[in-house]
Amino acid sequence: MSALTDLLPVLAFFLTYKFADIYTATIVLMVGAVLQVGITWLRTRTVPKMTLWSSVLLLGFGAATLYFHSPTALMWMPSVLYATLAAVFLGSHFTGQTVLERVAGAQLIAPKRIWAIANGSWVVFFITLGLVNYWVLSHYGLNSWVSFKLIKVGVVFVFAIAQALWLARYATPRPDPDASAGET
């Protein structure tokens, strides 16, 4: 369900842009981000920091896009988000537990080296996405950037699946403490 709630605002943005304009699509994306945070909160009583941070950035850059009546701010937002995520993931290498280990470590057991490699691959991935976003917004028009935004969702999904498959080679599922408590 989380992947669906993450994808819906982008799909709504893309469709609105195709049938209306960038400013209407920006409003739809901003409303979608607020709904995404709200739905996540209602379902889990918590909102992941990444979802919250990307929503706050989106609202700020979206507001700037609407206020200045220029899509430039919205087009820059992904590069800022990816640079921030890359910095956070990279910084976590120096805290004793990487971001990825904090997120997936509740379900998986893996050696520290494996967590570090997996986390580092996200750093490289985020930097690459940010640079590609910058390249697309600098060298192509708005139509290409909007299409890239939709394609990027698929790229992130494929990368996450590929990394999960790679991690599965080295990690083992963490035993469920509730399952063993019932066995006596």
N, C-alpha and C. Protein backbone atom coordinates (compact mmCIF):
# COMPACT_ATOMS: atom_id res chain seq x y z
N MET A 1 0.82 -1.20 0.00
CA MET A 1 0.00 0.00 0.00
C MET A 1 0.86 1.26 0.00
N SER A 2 2.00 1.22 0.70
CA SER A 2 2.87 2.39 0.76
C SER A 2 3.37 2.79 -0.62
N ALA A 3 3.75 1.81 -1.43
CA ALA A 3 4.22 2.13 -2.78
C ALA A 3 3.11 2.80 -3.59
N LEU A 4 1.88 2.38 -3.38
CA LEU A 4 0.75 2.99 -4.09
C LEU A 4 0.53 4.42 -3.63
N THR A 5 0.56 4.67 -2.33
CA THR A 5 0.37 6.04 -1.85
C THR A 5 1.53 6.93 -2.27
N ASP A 6 2.73 6.37 -2.47
CA ASP A 6 3.87 7.15 -2.96
C ASP A 6 3.71 7.48 -4.44
N LEU A 7 3.12 6.59 -5.19
CA LEU A 7 3.01 6.75 -6.63
C LEU A 7 1.83 7.62 -7.06
N LEU A 8 0.74 7.59 -6.33
CA LEU A 8 -0.47 8.31 -6.74
C LEU A 8 -0.27 9.82 -6.94
N PRO A 9 0.41 10.54 -6.04
CA PRO A 9 0.59 11.97 -6.30
C PRO A 9 1.36 12.26 -7.59
N VAL A 10 2.36 11.44 -7.90
CA VAL A 10 3.14 11.64 -9.12
C VAL A 10 2.28 11.34 -10.35
N LEU A 11 1.51 10.27 -10.30
CA LEU A 11 0.61 9.96 -11.42
C LEU A 11 -0.44 11.05 -11.61
N ALA A 12 -1.00 11.55 -10.51
CA ALA A 12 -1.98 12.63 -10.60
C ALA A 12 -1.34 13.89 -11.18
N PHE A 13 -0.11 14.18 -10.77
CA PHE A 13 0.64 15.32 -11.31
C PHE A 13 0.82 15.17 -12.82
N PHE A 14 1.28 14.00 -13.24
CA PHE A 14 1.54 13.75 -14.66
C PHE A 14 0.26 13.90 -15.48
N LEU A 15 -0.81 13.27 -15.05
CA LEU A 15 -2.07 13.34 -15.78
C LEU A 15 -2.63 14.76 -15.81
N THR A 16 -2.55 15.45 -14.69
CA THR A 16 -3.04 16.83 -14.65
C THR A 16 -2.22 17.72 -15.58
N TYR A 17 -0.91 17.52 -15.59
CA TYR A 17 -0.06 18.31 -16.49
C TYR A 17 -0.45 18.06 -17.95
N LYS A 18 -0.71 16.81 -18.30
CA LYS A 18 -1.04 16.47 -19.69
C LYS A 18 -2.38 17.10 -20.11
N PHE A 19 -3.32 17.25 -19.17
CA PHE A 19 -4.64 17.75 -19.52
C PHE A 19 -4.87 19.21 -19.12
N ALA A 20 -3.97 19.78 -18.32
CA ALA A 20 -4.14 21.17 -17.88
C ALA A 20 -2.82 21.92 -18.10
N ASP A 21 -2.17 22.30 -17.00
CA ASP A 21 -0.89 23.01 -17.10
C ASP A 21 -0.04 22.70 -15.88
N ILE A 22 1.18 23.21 -15.88
CA ILE A 22 2.12 22.91 -14.80
C ILE A 22 1.64 23.46 -13.45
N TYR A 23 0.93 24.58 -13.47
CA TYR A 23 0.51 25.19 -12.20
C TYR A 23 -0.63 24.41 -11.56
N THR A 24 -1.57 23.97 -12.37
CA THR A 24 -2.64 23.11 -11.84
C THR A 24 -2.05 21.79 -11.37
N ALA A 25 -1.11 21.26 -12.15
CA ALA A 25 -0.45 20.00 -11.77
C ALA A 25 0.33 20.16 -10.47
N THR A 26 0.93 21.32 -10.28
CA THR A 26 1.67 21.58 -9.05
C THR A 26 0.73 21.59 -7.84
N ILE A 27 -0.43 22.21 -7.99
CA ILE A 27 -1.42 22.22 -6.91
C ILE A 27 -1.86 20.79 -6.61
N VAL A 28 -2.12 20.00 -7.66
CA VAL A 28 -2.52 18.60 -7.47
C VAL A 28 -1.43 17.82 -6.74
N LEU A 29 -0.17 18.05 -7.12
CA LEU A 29 0.95 17.36 -6.46
C LEU A 29 1.06 17.76 -5.00
N MET A 30 0.87 19.05 -4.71
CA MET A 30 0.94 19.52 -3.33
C MET A 30 -0.19 18.92 -2.49
N VAL A 31 -1.40 18.91 -3.03
CA VAL A 31 -2.54 18.30 -2.32
C VAL A 31 -2.27 16.81 -2.13
N GLY A 32 -1.74 16.16 -3.17
CA GLY A 32 -1.41 14.74 -3.08
C GLY A 32 -0.40 14.45 -1.97
N ALA A 33 0.59 15.33 -1.83
CA ALA A 33 1.60 15.14 -0.78
C ALA A 33 0.97 15.26 0.61
N VAL A 34 0.09 16.24 0.77
CA VAL A 34 -0.59 16.41 2.06
C VAL A 34 -1.47 15.19 2.35
N LEU A 35 -2.19 14.73 1.33
CA LEU A 35 -3.03 13.53 1.51
C LEU A 35 -2.18 12.30 1.83
N GLN A 36 -1.03 12.18 1.16
CA GLN A 36 -0.13 11.05 1.41
C GLN A 36 0.32 11.04 2.87
N VAL A 37 0.71 12.19 3.38
CA VAL A 37 1.13 12.28 4.78
C VAL A 37 -0.06 11.95 5.69
N GLY A 38 -1.22 12.51 5.37
CA GLY A 38 -2.41 12.26 6.19
C GLY A 38 -2.83 10.80 6.20
N ILE A 39 -2.86 10.17 5.05
CA ILE A 39 -3.24 8.75 4.96
C ILE A 39 -2.23 7.89 5.70
N THR A 40 -0.95 8.19 5.53
CA THR A 40 0.09 7.43 6.23
C THR A 40 -0.09 7.57 7.74
N TRP A 41 -0.36 8.79 8.19
CA TRP A 41 -0.55 9.03 9.62
C TRP A 41 -1.77 8.27 10.15
N LEU A 42 -2.86 8.31 9.41
CA LEU A 42 -4.07 7.61 9.86
C LEU A 42 -3.87 6.10 9.92
N ARG A 43 -3.11 5.55 8.96
CA ARG A 43 -2.89 4.10 8.93
C ARG A 43 -1.90 3.64 9.98
N THR A 44 -0.84 4.41 10.22
CA THR A 44 0.25 3.91 11.06
C THR A 44 0.52 4.74 12.31
N ARG A 45 -0.10 5.90 12.41
CA ARG A 45 0.14 6.85 13.50
C ARG A 45 1.59 7.33 13.52
N THR A 46 2.25 7.24 12.39
CA THR A 46 3.60 7.77 12.22
C THR A 46 3.79 8.10 10.74
N VAL A 47 4.73 8.97 10.46
CA VAL A 47 5.06 9.30 9.07
C VAL A 47 6.58 9.17 8.94
N PRO A 48 7.05 8.35 7.99
CA PRO A 48 8.50 8.22 7.80
C PRO A 48 9.14 9.59 7.54
N LYS A 49 10.32 9.79 8.08
CA LYS A 49 11.01 11.07 7.93
C LYS A 49 11.21 11.43 6.46
N MET A 50 11.52 10.44 5.62
CA MET A 50 11.74 10.72 4.21
C MET A 50 10.46 11.23 3.55
N THR A 51 9.32 10.64 3.88
CA THR A 51 8.04 11.10 3.33
C THR A 51 7.74 12.51 3.81
N LEU A 52 7.95 12.75 5.09
CA LEU A 52 7.69 14.07 5.66
C LEU A 52 8.61 15.12 5.04
N TRP A 53 9.90 14.82 4.96
CA TRP A 53 10.88 15.76 4.42
C TRP A 53 10.58 16.06 2.95
N SER A 54 10.28 15.04 2.15
CA SER A 54 9.99 15.28 0.73
C SER A 54 8.70 16.09 0.58
N SER A 55 7.73 15.86 1.45
CA SER A 55 6.48 16.63 1.39
C SER A 55 6.71 18.09 1.75
N VAL A 56 7.50 18.34 2.79
CA VAL A 56 7.81 19.72 3.18
C VAL A 56 8.55 20.43 2.05
N LEU A 57 9.54 19.76 1.47
CA LEU A 57 10.26 20.34 0.33
C LEU A 57 9.30 20.63 -0.83
N LEU A 58 8.46 19.67 -1.13
CA LEU A 58 7.51 19.83 -2.23
C LEU A 58 6.58 21.02 -1.98
N LEU A 59 6.08 21.14 -0.77
CA LEU A 59 5.19 22.26 -0.46
C LEU A 59 5.93 23.60 -0.61
N GLY A 60 7.16 23.66 -0.15
CA GLY A 60 7.94 24.89 -0.28
C GLY A 60 8.26 25.23 -1.73
N PHE A 61 8.80 24.27 -2.47
CA PHE A 61 9.15 24.51 -3.86
C PHE A 61 7.90 24.68 -4.73
N GLY A 62 6.83 23.97 -4.38
CA GLY A 62 5.57 24.13 -5.10
C GLY A 62 4.99 25.52 -4.88
N ALA A 63 5.04 26.00 -3.64
CA ALA A 63 4.56 27.35 -3.34
C ALA A 63 5.37 28.39 -4.11
N ALA A 64 6.68 28.20 -4.18
CA ALA A 64 7.54 29.12 -4.94
C ALA A 64 7.17 29.09 -6.43
N THR A 65 6.90 27.91 -6.94
CA THR A 65 6.50 27.77 -8.35
C THR A 65 5.22 28.56 -8.60
N LEU A 66 4.26 28.43 -7.72
CA LEU A 66 2.98 29.13 -7.90
C LEU A 66 3.13 30.63 -7.68
N TYR A 67 3.89 31.03 -6.67
CA TYR A 67 4.06 32.44 -6.35
C TYR A 67 4.77 33.19 -7.48
N PHE A 68 5.88 32.62 -7.96
CA PHE A 68 6.67 33.27 -9.01
C PHE A 68 6.15 32.94 -10.42
N HIS A 69 5.17 32.08 -10.47
CA HIS A 69 4.58 31.64 -11.75
C HIS A 69 5.69 31.17 -12.71
N SER A 70 6.55 30.30 -12.16
CA SER A 70 7.66 29.74 -12.93
C SER A 70 7.90 28.31 -12.44
N PRO A 71 7.98 27.34 -13.35
CA PRO A 71 8.19 25.96 -12.92
C PRO A 71 9.61 25.64 -12.46
N THR A 72 10.50 26.61 -12.54
CA THR A 72 11.91 26.36 -12.21
C THR A 72 12.08 25.82 -10.80
N ALA A 73 11.41 26.40 -9.83
CA ALA A 73 11.56 25.93 -8.44
C ALA A 73 11.14 24.48 -8.32
N LEU A 74 10.00 24.13 -8.89
CA LEU A 74 9.52 22.75 -8.82
C LEU A 74 10.50 21.80 -9.50
N MET A 75 11.09 22.24 -10.59
CA MET A 75 12.03 21.40 -11.32
C MET A 75 13.33 21.17 -10.54
N TRP A 76 13.71 22.14 -9.70
CA TRP A 76 14.91 22.00 -8.88
C TRP A 76 14.69 21.13 -7.64
N MET A 77 13.46 21.03 -7.19
CA MET A 77 13.16 20.33 -5.94
C MET A 77 13.72 18.91 -5.87
N PRO A 78 13.58 18.07 -6.91
CA PRO A 78 14.14 16.72 -6.80
C PRO A 78 15.65 16.71 -6.58
N SER A 79 16.37 17.60 -7.25
CA SER A 79 17.83 17.63 -7.05
C SER A 79 18.18 17.99 -5.62
N VAL A 80 17.44 18.94 -5.03
CA VAL A 80 17.68 19.32 -3.63
C VAL A 80 17.34 18.14 -2.72
N LEU A 81 16.21 17.48 -2.98
CA LEU A 81 15.82 16.32 -2.17
C LEU A 81 16.87 15.21 -2.26
N TYR A 82 17.31 14.88 -3.47
CA TYR A 82 18.27 13.80 -3.63
C TYR A 82 19.63 14.15 -3.02
N ALA A 83 20.04 15.40 -3.12
CA ALA A 83 21.30 15.81 -2.49
C ALA A 83 21.19 15.68 -0.97
N THR A 84 20.05 16.06 -0.42
CA THR A 84 19.83 15.94 1.03
C THR A 84 19.83 14.48 1.45
N LEU A 85 19.12 13.64 0.70
CA LEU A 85 19.08 12.20 1.04
C LEU A 85 20.47 11.58 0.93
N ALA A 86 21.21 11.94 -0.11
CA ALA A 86 22.58 11.41 -0.25
C ALA A 86 23.43 11.82 0.95
N ALA A 87 23.30 13.07 1.39
CA ALA A 87 24.07 13.55 2.54
C ALA A 87 23.68 12.81 3.82
N VAL A 88 22.38 12.58 4.01
CA VAL A 88 21.92 11.87 5.21
C VAL A 88 22.41 10.42 5.19
N PHE A 89 22.25 9.74 4.06
CA PHE A 89 22.71 8.36 3.96
C PHE A 89 24.22 8.29 4.14
N LEU A 90 24.96 9.22 3.53
CA LEU A 90 26.41 9.23 3.68
C LEU A 90 26.79 9.52 5.13
N GLY A 91 26.16 10.50 5.74
CA GLY A 91 26.45 10.83 7.13
C GLY A 91 26.19 9.70 8.09
N SER A 92 25.22 8.85 7.75
CA SER A 92 24.89 7.74 8.65
C SER A 92 26.01 6.71 8.72
N HIS A 93 26.93 6.73 7.75
CA HIS A 93 28.08 5.81 7.81
C HIS A 93 28.96 6.11 9.02
N PHE A 94 28.84 7.31 9.56
CA PHE A 94 29.69 7.73 10.67
C PHE A 94 28.97 7.71 12.01
N THR A 95 27.76 7.12 12.05
CA THR A 95 26.97 7.12 13.28
C THR A 95 26.91 5.75 13.95
N GLY A 96 27.47 4.74 13.32
CA GLY A 96 27.42 3.40 13.90
C GLY A 96 26.32 2.54 13.32
N GLN A 97 25.31 3.15 12.72
CA GLN A 97 24.23 2.39 12.10
C GLN A 97 23.73 3.19 10.89
N THR A 98 23.82 2.60 9.72
CA THR A 98 23.41 3.31 8.52
C THR A 98 21.89 3.47 8.48
N VAL A 99 21.45 4.40 7.64
CA VAL A 99 20.01 4.62 7.47
C VAL A 99 19.34 3.33 7.04
N LEU A 100 19.93 2.66 6.08
CA LEU A 100 19.33 1.43 5.57
C LEU A 100 19.23 0.36 6.65
N GLU A 101 20.25 0.27 7.48
CA GLU A 101 20.21 -0.70 8.58
C GLU A 101 19.11 -0.34 9.58
N ARG A 102 18.94 0.95 9.84
CA ARG A 102 17.87 1.38 10.75
C ARG A 102 16.49 1.05 10.18
N VAL A 103 16.35 1.21 8.87
CA VAL A 103 15.05 0.97 8.23
C VAL A 103 14.76 -0.52 8.09
N ALA A 104 15.71 -1.28 7.56
CA ALA A 104 15.47 -2.69 7.26
C ALA A 104 15.98 -3.64 8.34
N GLY A 105 16.76 -3.14 9.28
CA GLY A 105 17.36 -3.99 10.30
C GLY A 105 16.36 -4.65 11.24
N ALA A 106 15.15 -4.11 11.32
CA ALA A 106 14.14 -4.73 12.16
C ALA A 106 13.66 -6.05 11.56
N GLN A 107 13.79 -6.18 10.24
CA GLN A 107 13.35 -7.41 9.56
C GLN A 107 14.50 -8.30 9.13
N LEU A 108 15.71 -7.72 8.97
CA LEU A 108 16.83 -8.49 8.42
C LEU A 108 18.07 -8.40 9.29
N ILE A 109 18.83 -9.48 9.28
CA ILE A 109 20.13 -9.51 9.94
C ILE A 109 21.18 -9.63 8.84
N ALA A 110 22.15 -8.71 8.85
CA ALA A 110 23.22 -8.74 7.85
C ALA A 110 24.49 -8.20 8.49
N PRO A 111 25.64 -8.60 7.97
CA PRO A 111 26.90 -8.04 8.49
C PRO A 111 26.97 -6.53 8.24
N LYS A 112 27.69 -5.83 9.10
CA LYS A 112 27.86 -4.38 8.98
C LYS A 112 28.36 -3.99 7.59
N ARG A 113 29.28 -4.77 7.05
CA ARG A 113 29.85 -4.47 5.73
C ARG A 113 28.77 -4.47 4.65
N ILE A 114 27.83 -5.38 4.75
CA ILE A 114 26.74 -5.48 3.77
C ILE A 114 25.82 -4.26 3.89
N TRP A 115 25.49 -3.88 5.13
CA TRP A 115 24.68 -2.68 5.32
C TRP A 115 25.39 -1.46 4.75
N ALA A 116 26.70 -1.37 4.98
CA ALA A 116 27.47 -0.22 4.49
C ALA A 116 27.48 -0.17 2.97
N ILE A 117 27.66 -1.32 2.31
CA ILE A 117 27.66 -1.36 0.85
C ILE A 117 26.28 -0.97 0.31
N ALA A 118 25.24 -1.55 0.89
CA ALA A 118 23.87 -1.26 0.43
C ALA A 118 23.54 0.22 0.64
N ASN A 119 23.88 0.74 1.79
CA ASN A 119 23.62 2.16 2.09
C ASN A 119 24.42 3.05 1.14
N GLY A 120 25.68 2.68 0.91
CA GLY A 120 26.52 3.45 -0.01
C GLY A 120 25.99 3.45 -1.43
N SER A 121 25.36 2.36 -1.84
CA SER A 121 24.79 2.32 -3.18
C SER A 121 23.63 3.31 -3.30
N TRP A 122 22.89 3.52 -2.20
CA TRP A 122 21.83 4.53 -2.21
C TRP A 122 22.42 5.93 -2.31
N VAL A 123 23.55 6.16 -1.66
CA VAL A 123 24.22 7.47 -1.77
C VAL A 123 24.55 7.75 -3.23
N VAL A 124 25.18 6.79 -3.89
CA VAL A 124 25.54 6.96 -5.31
C VAL A 124 24.29 7.12 -6.16
N PHE A 125 23.26 6.33 -5.87
CA PHE A 125 22.01 6.41 -6.63
C PHE A 125 21.37 7.78 -6.49
N PHE A 126 21.28 8.30 -5.26
CA PHE A 126 20.67 9.61 -5.04
C PHE A 126 21.48 10.72 -5.73
N ILE A 127 22.79 10.66 -5.64
CA ILE A 127 23.62 11.66 -6.32
C ILE A 127 23.38 11.60 -7.83
N THR A 128 23.33 10.39 -8.36
CA THR A 128 23.10 10.22 -9.79
C THR A 128 21.73 10.78 -10.19
N LEU A 129 20.69 10.45 -9.43
CA LEU A 129 19.35 10.98 -9.74
C LEU A 129 19.33 12.50 -9.69
N GLY A 130 19.97 13.08 -8.70
CA GLY A 130 20.00 14.54 -8.59
C GLY A 130 20.71 15.18 -9.77
N LEU A 131 21.83 14.57 -10.19
CA LEU A 131 22.57 15.11 -11.34
C LEU A 131 21.79 14.94 -12.64
N VAL A 132 21.15 13.79 -12.80
CA VAL A 132 20.35 13.57 -14.01
C VAL A 132 19.16 14.53 -14.04
N ASN A 133 18.52 14.75 -12.88
CA ASN A 133 17.43 15.72 -12.82
C ASN A 133 17.93 17.10 -13.25
N TYR A 134 19.08 17.51 -12.73
CA TYR A 134 19.66 18.80 -13.11
C TYR A 134 19.94 18.86 -14.61
N TRP A 135 20.49 17.79 -15.14
CA TRP A 135 20.81 17.75 -16.57
C TRP A 135 19.54 17.87 -17.41
N VAL A 136 18.49 17.14 -17.03
CA VAL A 136 17.23 17.19 -17.79
C VAL A 136 16.63 18.60 -17.71
N LEU A 137 16.59 19.19 -16.52
CA LEU A 137 15.98 20.53 -16.40
C LEU A 137 16.82 21.59 -17.09
N SER A 138 18.13 21.38 -17.22
CA SER A 138 19.01 22.35 -17.87
C SER A 138 19.01 22.24 -19.39
N HIS A 139 18.84 21.04 -19.90
CA HIS A 139 19.02 20.82 -21.34
C HIS A 139 17.73 20.54 -22.11
N TYR A 140 16.66 20.30 -21.42
CA TYR A 140 15.41 19.96 -22.09
C TYR A 140 14.28 20.83 -21.55
N GLY A 141 13.17 20.81 -22.20
CA GLY A 141 12.04 21.63 -21.79
C GLY A 141 11.21 20.98 -20.70
N LEU A 142 10.18 21.68 -20.33
CA LEU A 142 9.29 21.26 -19.27
C LEU A 142 8.63 19.92 -19.58
N ASN A 143 8.20 19.72 -20.82
CA ASN A 143 7.56 18.45 -21.18
C ASN A 143 8.48 17.26 -20.92
N SER A 144 9.74 17.40 -21.29
CA SER A 144 10.70 16.31 -21.06
C SER A 144 10.92 16.09 -19.58
N TRP A 145 11.00 17.19 -18.81
CA TRP A 145 11.22 17.04 -17.37
C TRP A 145 10.05 16.33 -16.71
N VAL A 146 8.82 16.66 -17.10
CA VAL A 146 7.64 16.01 -16.52
C VAL A 146 7.65 14.52 -16.86
N SER A 147 7.99 14.18 -18.11
CA SER A 147 8.08 12.76 -18.49
C SER A 147 9.18 12.06 -17.70
N PHE A 148 10.31 12.73 -17.53
CA PHE A 148 11.41 12.18 -16.74
C PHE A 148 10.96 11.93 -15.30
N LYS A 149 10.16 12.83 -14.75
CA LYS A 149 9.67 12.67 -13.38
C LYS A 149 8.88 11.38 -13.24
N LEU A 150 8.08 11.06 -14.23
CA LEU A 150 7.30 9.81 -14.20
C LEU A 150 8.21 8.60 -14.39
N ILE A 151 9.13 8.68 -15.33
CA ILE A 151 10.06 7.57 -15.59
C ILE A 151 10.92 7.30 -14.36
N LYS A 152 11.29 8.38 -13.67
CA LYS A 152 12.15 8.26 -12.48
C LYS A 152 11.51 7.39 -11.40
N VAL A 153 10.20 7.43 -11.29
CA VAL A 153 9.50 6.59 -10.30
C VAL A 153 9.79 5.12 -10.60
N GLY A 154 9.72 4.74 -11.86
CA GLY A 154 10.04 3.36 -12.26
C GLY A 154 11.48 3.01 -12.00
N VAL A 155 12.39 3.95 -12.25
CA VAL A 155 13.82 3.72 -12.03
C VAL A 155 14.07 3.47 -10.54
N VAL A 156 13.47 4.27 -9.68
CA VAL A 156 13.63 4.09 -8.23
C VAL A 156 13.09 2.73 -7.81
N PHE A 157 11.94 2.35 -8.34
CA PHE A 157 11.33 1.06 -8.02
C PHE A 157 12.25 -0.09 -8.44
N VAL A 158 12.79 -0.02 -9.66
CA VAL A 158 13.68 -1.07 -10.16
C VAL A 158 14.95 -1.14 -9.31
N PHE A 159 15.51 0.01 -8.96
CA PHE A 159 16.71 0.02 -8.13
C PHE A 159 16.44 -0.59 -6.76
N ALA A 160 15.30 -0.24 -6.16
CA ALA A 160 14.95 -0.78 -4.84
C ALA A 160 14.78 -2.30 -4.90
N ILE A 161 14.14 -2.80 -5.94
CA ILE A 161 13.96 -4.25 -6.10
C ILE A 161 15.31 -4.93 -6.31
N ALA A 162 16.14 -4.34 -7.16
CA ALA A 162 17.47 -4.92 -7.40
C ALA A 162 18.29 -4.97 -6.11
N GLN A 163 18.21 -3.89 -5.33
CA GLN A 163 18.97 -3.89 -4.09
C GLN A 163 18.40 -4.89 -3.09
N ALA A 164 17.08 -5.02 -3.04
CA ALA A 164 16.46 -6.00 -2.14
C ALA A 164 16.91 -7.41 -2.52
N LEU A 165 16.97 -7.70 -3.81
CA LEU A 165 17.42 -9.03 -4.26
C LEU A 165 18.89 -9.25 -3.90
N TRP A 166 19.71 -8.22 -4.06
CA TRP A 166 21.13 -8.33 -3.70
C TRP A 166 21.26 -8.53 -2.19
N LEU A 167 20.52 -7.75 -1.42
CA LEU A 167 20.59 -7.84 0.04
C LEU A 167 20.12 -9.21 0.52
N ALA A 168 19.15 -9.79 -0.17
CA ALA A 168 18.63 -11.11 0.22
C ALA A 168 19.70 -12.20 0.13
N ARG A 169 20.72 -11.97 -0.69
CA ARG A 169 21.82 -12.94 -0.80
C ARG A 169 22.67 -12.99 0.46
N TYR A 170 22.70 -11.89 1.19
CA TYR A 170 23.60 -11.77 2.34
C TYR A 170 22.89 -11.65 3.68
N ALA A 171 21.62 -11.35 3.65
CA ALA A 171 20.87 -11.13 4.89
C ALA A 171 19.96 -12.31 5.17
N THR A 172 19.63 -12.47 6.44
CA THR A 172 18.67 -13.49 6.84
C THR A 172 17.51 -12.81 7.55
N PRO A 173 16.32 -13.36 7.44
CA PRO A 173 15.18 -12.76 8.15
C PRO A 173 15.40 -12.80 9.65
N ARG A 174 15.04 -11.72 10.31
CA ARG A 174 15.13 -11.68 11.76
C ARG A 174 14.00 -12.54 12.32
N PRO A 175 14.30 -13.44 13.26
CA PRO A 175 13.24 -14.29 13.83
C PRO A 175 12.16 -13.44 14.48
N ASP A 176 10.93 -13.87 14.33
CA ASP A 176 9.78 -13.19 14.92
C ASP A 176 9.69 -13.61 16.38
N PRO A 177 9.88 -12.67 17.32
CA PRO A 177 9.84 -13.06 18.75
C PRO A 177 8.45 -13.54 19.18
N ASP A 178 7.40 -13.08 18.53
CA ASP A 178 6.04 -13.51 18.89
C ASP A 178 5.81 -14.97 18.50
N ALA A 179 6.42 -15.40 17.39
CA ALA A 179 6.23 -16.76 16.93
C ALA A 179 6.85 -17.77 17.90
N SER A 180 8.01 -17.45 18.44
CA SER A 180 8.67 -18.38 19.35
C SER A 180 8.06 -18.33 20.74
N ALA A 181 7.40 -17.22 21.10
CA ALA A 181 6.80 -17.11 22.44
C ALA A 181 5.63 -18.08 22.61
N GLY A 182 4.94 -18.38 21.50
CA GLY A 182 3.80 -19.28 21.59
C GLY A 182 4.18 -20.74 21.65
N GLU A 183 5.44 -21.04 21.35
CA GLU A 183 5.89 -22.44 21.34
C GLU A 183 6.50 -22.78 22.70
N THR A 184 5.92 -23.70 23.41
CA THR A 184 6.48 -24.13 24.72
C THR A 184 6.51 -25.63 24.82
